Protein backbone atom coordinates (compact mmCIF):
# COMPACT_ATOMS: atom_id res chain seq x y z
CA MET A 1 5.28 -4.03 19.55
CA PRO A 2 8.68 -5.70 18.73
CA THR A 3 7.44 -8.60 19.78
CA ARG A 4 4.93 -8.60 16.40
CA THR A 5 7.18 -7.00 14.50
CA ALA A 6 10.50 -8.20 14.65
CA ALA A 7 10.05 -11.76 12.74
CA PRO A 8 8.26 -10.11 10.03
CA LEU A 9 11.00 -7.27 9.03
CA ALA A 10 13.99 -9.75 9.81
CA ALA A 11 12.10 -12.35 7.38
CA LEU A 12 11.72 -9.22 4.69
CA ALA A 13 14.94 -8.05 5.18
CA LEU A 14 16.70 -11.73 4.28
CA ILE A 15 14.53 -12.88 1.72
CA GLY A 16 13.49 -9.95 0.23
CA LEU A 17 11.36 -10.42 -3.77
CA THR A 18 10.69 -13.70 -5.19
CA ALA A 19 9.47 -15.81 -6.98
CA CYS A 20 5.17 -16.30 -5.31
CA SER A 21 3.79 -20.02 -4.86
CA THR A 22 0.47 -18.70 -6.03
CA GLY A 23 -0.77 -19.06 -9.43
CA ALA A 24 1.18 -16.18 -10.38
CA ASP A 25 4.93 -16.91 -10.76
CA ALA A 26 6.67 -13.66 -10.64
CA GLU A 27 10.24 -12.29 -9.20
CA TYR A 28 8.60 -9.10 -8.73
CA TYR A 29 6.54 -10.84 -6.03
CA LEU A 30 7.25 -11.94 -2.39
CA ASP A 31 4.39 -14.22 -1.16
CA LEU A 32 3.25 -14.22 2.64
CA SER A 33 0.53 -16.00 2.06
CA ASP A 34 1.82 -19.00 3.99
CA ASP A 35 2.49 -16.56 6.92
CA PRO A 36 0.64 -13.48 6.87
CA MET A 37 1.03 -9.89 8.31
CA PRO A 38 -1.84 -9.41 10.42
CA ALA A 39 -4.11 -5.88 9.93
CA SER A 40 -2.49 -3.47 11.91
CA ASP A 41 -4.96 -2.15 14.60
CA VAL A 42 -3.98 1.38 14.23
CA GLU A 43 -6.63 4.07 13.78
CA LEU A 44 -6.89 6.62 10.75
CA THR A 45 -9.25 8.91 9.00
CA THR A 46 -10.06 8.98 5.63
CA VAL A 47 -10.11 11.97 3.51
CA ASP A 48 -13.70 12.71 3.81
CA GLY A 49 -13.14 12.69 7.78
CA GLN A 50 -14.28 8.57 8.04
CA GLU A 51 -12.77 6.89 11.23
CA TRP A 52 -10.81 3.81 9.58
CA THR A 53 -9.16 1.23 10.18
CA PHE A 54 -7.03 -1.78 7.84
CA THR A 55 -9.62 -3.91 8.72
CA ASP A 56 -11.77 -1.67 6.97
CA VAL A 57 -11.19 -2.55 3.54
CA ALA A 58 -13.42 -4.47 0.89
CA ASP A 59 -14.30 -7.98 1.53
CA ASP A 60 -14.45 -9.20 -1.72
CA ARG A 61 -11.94 -7.80 -3.65
CA LEU A 62 -7.52 -7.44 -2.53
CA THR A 63 -6.73 -4.37 -1.68
CA LEU A 64 -3.23 -2.61 -2.62
CA LEU A 65 -1.40 -0.43 0.21
CA TYR A 66 0.78 1.77 -0.22
CA PHE A 67 2.71 4.49 2.54
CA GLY A 68 3.29 7.76 0.46
CA TYR A 69 3.42 10.93 0.07
CA THR A 70 1.53 13.77 -2.48
CA SER A 71 4.70 15.96 -2.95
CA CYS A 72 6.93 12.90 -4.02
CA PRO A 73 8.20 14.00 -7.45
CA ASP A 74 8.62 10.46 -8.82
CA VAL A 75 8.41 7.22 -7.28
CA CYS A 76 4.94 7.76 -5.47
CA PRO A 77 3.00 9.35 -8.29
CA MET A 78 4.96 6.54 -10.78
CA THR A 79 3.46 4.26 -8.52
CA MET A 80 0.06 5.14 -8.64
CA ALA A 81 0.21 5.78 -12.26
CA GLU A 82 1.27 2.37 -12.87
CA LEU A 83 -1.91 0.75 -10.91
CA ASN A 84 -4.43 2.84 -12.06
CA LEU A 85 -3.12 1.61 -15.62
CA ALA A 86 -3.00 -2.02 -14.42
CA LEU A 87 -6.50 -1.82 -12.59
CA GLU A 88 -8.17 -0.30 -16.15
CA GLU A 89 -6.46 -3.41 -17.55
CA VAL A 90 -8.05 -5.83 -15.30
CA GLU A 91 -11.38 -3.99 -15.31
CA THR A 92 -12.05 -4.79 -18.68
CA GLU A 93 -12.15 -8.19 -18.57
CA THR A 94 -12.17 -9.06 -15.00
CA GLY A 95 -14.09 -6.70 -13.52
CA ARG A 96 -12.54 -4.33 -10.33
CA PRO A 97 -10.24 -7.49 -8.17
CA PHE A 98 -8.51 -4.78 -6.33
CA ASP A 99 -8.79 -1.35 -4.46
CA VAL A 100 -5.78 0.78 -3.99
CA VAL A 101 -5.41 2.63 -0.43
CA MET A 102 -2.47 4.66 0.23
CA VAL A 103 -1.65 6.50 3.48
CA THR A 104 -0.05 9.26 3.39
CA THR A 105 3.98 9.57 5.39
CA ASP A 106 3.74 13.28 5.03
CA PRO A 107 0.18 14.34 6.86
CA GLU A 108 1.98 17.67 7.45
CA ARG A 109 1.60 18.65 4.33
CA ASP A 110 -1.14 15.98 3.07
CA THR A 111 -4.15 17.77 4.01
CA ASP A 112 -7.52 16.06 3.45
CA GLU A 113 -8.09 17.68 0.79
CA GLN A 114 -4.34 17.91 -0.74
CA LEU A 115 -4.68 14.22 -0.85
CA GLY A 116 -7.86 13.63 -2.03
CA THR A 117 -7.12 15.71 -4.85
CA TRP A 118 -3.85 14.47 -5.94
CA LEU A 119 -5.28 11.14 -5.90
CA GLU A 120 -8.36 11.78 -7.89
CA ARG A 121 -6.05 12.83 -10.86
CA PHE A 122 -4.93 9.06 -11.16
CA ASP A 123 -8.31 6.94 -10.03
CA PRO A 124 -11.28 8.62 -8.27
CA ASP A 125 -12.10 5.24 -6.90
CA PHE A 126 -8.42 5.47 -4.86
CA GLN A 127 -9.13 5.92 -0.87
CA GLY A 128 -6.71 8.50 0.88
CA VAL A 129 -6.26 8.14 4.67
CA ARG A 130 -4.37 10.40 7.34
CA GLY A 131 -2.89 9.93 10.46
CA GLU A 132 -0.60 11.50 13.17
CA ALA A 133 3.43 10.94 12.72
CA ASP A 134 3.68 8.56 15.28
CA THR A 135 0.39 6.41 14.41
CA THR A 136 1.61 6.37 10.66
CA VAL A 137 5.30 5.25 11.77
CA GLU A 138 3.12 2.33 13.94
CA ALA A 139 1.27 1.07 11.24
CA ALA A 140 3.45 0.81 8.36
CA THR A 141 5.87 -0.66 11.02
CA ASP A 142 3.18 -3.29 11.86
CA TYR A 143 3.18 -4.20 7.62
CA GLY A 144 7.08 -4.44 7.56
CA ILE A 145 7.61 -1.23 5.82
CA PRO A 146 9.91 1.07 7.48
CA ILE A 147 9.19 4.91 6.97
CA GLU A 148 10.48 8.02 9.09
CA ILE A 149 8.06 11.11 9.30
CA PRO A 150 10.13 14.31 7.97
CA GLU A 151 11.00 16.77 10.97
CA GLU A 152 9.33 19.94 10.53
CA THR A 153 11.43 22.59 8.75
CA GLU A 154 11.21 26.01 7.25
CA ASP A 155 12.29 24.51 3.73
CA GLU A 156 8.87 23.31 2.71
CA ASP A 157 10.59 21.53 -0.27
CA TYR A 158 11.55 18.62 2.02
CA HIS A 159 10.94 14.78 0.98
CA ALA A 160 9.54 12.77 3.06
CA ALA A 161 9.88 8.61 3.24
CA HIS A 162 7.67 6.32 1.45
CA SER A 163 7.44 2.33 0.62
CA GLU A 164 9.36 0.62 -1.64
CA ARG A 165 6.71 -1.84 -1.97
CA VAL A 166 3.00 -2.22 -2.53
CA ALA A 167 1.25 -4.42 0.13
CA VAL A 168 -1.18 -6.77 -1.35
CA VAL A 169 -3.81 -7.11 1.69
CA THR A 170 -6.76 -9.80 2.38
CA PRO A 171 -10.38 -8.61 3.24
CA ASP A 172 -9.18 -9.10 6.82
CA GLY A 173 -6.85 -6.50 6.91
CA ALA A 174 -3.77 -8.80 6.67
CA ALA A 175 -0.70 -8.54 4.63
CA ALA A 176 -0.33 -11.57 2.26
CA GLY A 177 2.27 -10.58 -0.41
CA PHE A 178 4.39 -7.43 -1.43
CA ILE A 179 4.70 -6.40 -5.17
CA ASP A 180 8.09 -4.16 -5.67
CA GLY A 181 7.15 -0.91 -5.97
CA ARG A 182 9.25 -0.89 -9.66
CA THR A 183 6.83 -2.97 -11.43
CA GLU A 184 4.99 -1.98 -14.22
CA ALA A 185 1.08 -1.66 -15.12
CA GLU A 186 1.11 -4.75 -17.01
CA GLU A 187 3.08 -7.01 -14.51
CA ILE A 188 0.65 -5.65 -12.16
CA ALA A 189 -2.32 -6.37 -14.48
CA ALA A 190 -1.15 -10.17 -14.68
CA LEU A 191 -0.47 -10.81 -11.43
CA VAL A 192 -3.28 -9.62 -9.70
CA PRO A 193 -6.25 -11.58 -11.22
CA ASP A 194 -4.25 -15.09 -9.74
CA LEU A 195 -3.68 -13.49 -6.49
CA ALA A 196 -7.49 -12.55 -6.16
CA GLU A 197 -7.80 -16.44 -7.10
CA ASP A 198 -5.58 -17.63 -4.67
CA LEU A 199 -6.26 -15.22 -1.74
CA LEU A 200 -10.49 -14.43 -2.24
C-alpha cells in the first residue's frame, strides 16, 4: 500500500504540527481537513471480542484515536489521563463531543482483559481494540503513524512503540487532523468543540 501512504507520510514529516484553519487556531494541532487521510480498511477486534473496523466509530461524534500500550511507563498513561480530563471538562458544557479509541501496539502483553481493565481506570467508555502485529502496523501506517511491534523476548519488561500524536477521526473513519501527544487537557478541551463544529 505504498501509493496510499507515501504522500501523507511525507506531508506529516515535512509539515509537522502547525496552526489549524478551523475555528481553533492552535499550534499543537495539524489540520488535514482539506485532504483527510481515508479510513484504514484493517479489521481489528474490541476487548469485548467484537469485530471492529475504523468506520465503526461513532456517527455523531469525533473519535480521538491513539496507538499505544498499557505497559508504557509514561507517555501512554499520560495521554489517556489528559484525554479523560479534557472529556470531563467539555462534557459539562457541551455534552460528549468525542470518543476515545486506543489500538494496542503490544498485542502480546495487552490481552483483552489487560487492555480493557487498564482503559477503565481512565474512563469506562474508552474503547480498546487489538489485532495481530502485522495488521496493527498496517493500520497505523494507513494513518501516517510509524510504529514497530516489539520482537518477542524473554525479558517481559520491554518497551513497545506508541504514537506521538492523537488522530482526530470523523464518522467516516478518516483522520481530519492530529493533536500533538504532549497537549494538555485544557488545550484539548478548548480545541475539540471547535473541531466538532467544523467537522461534523
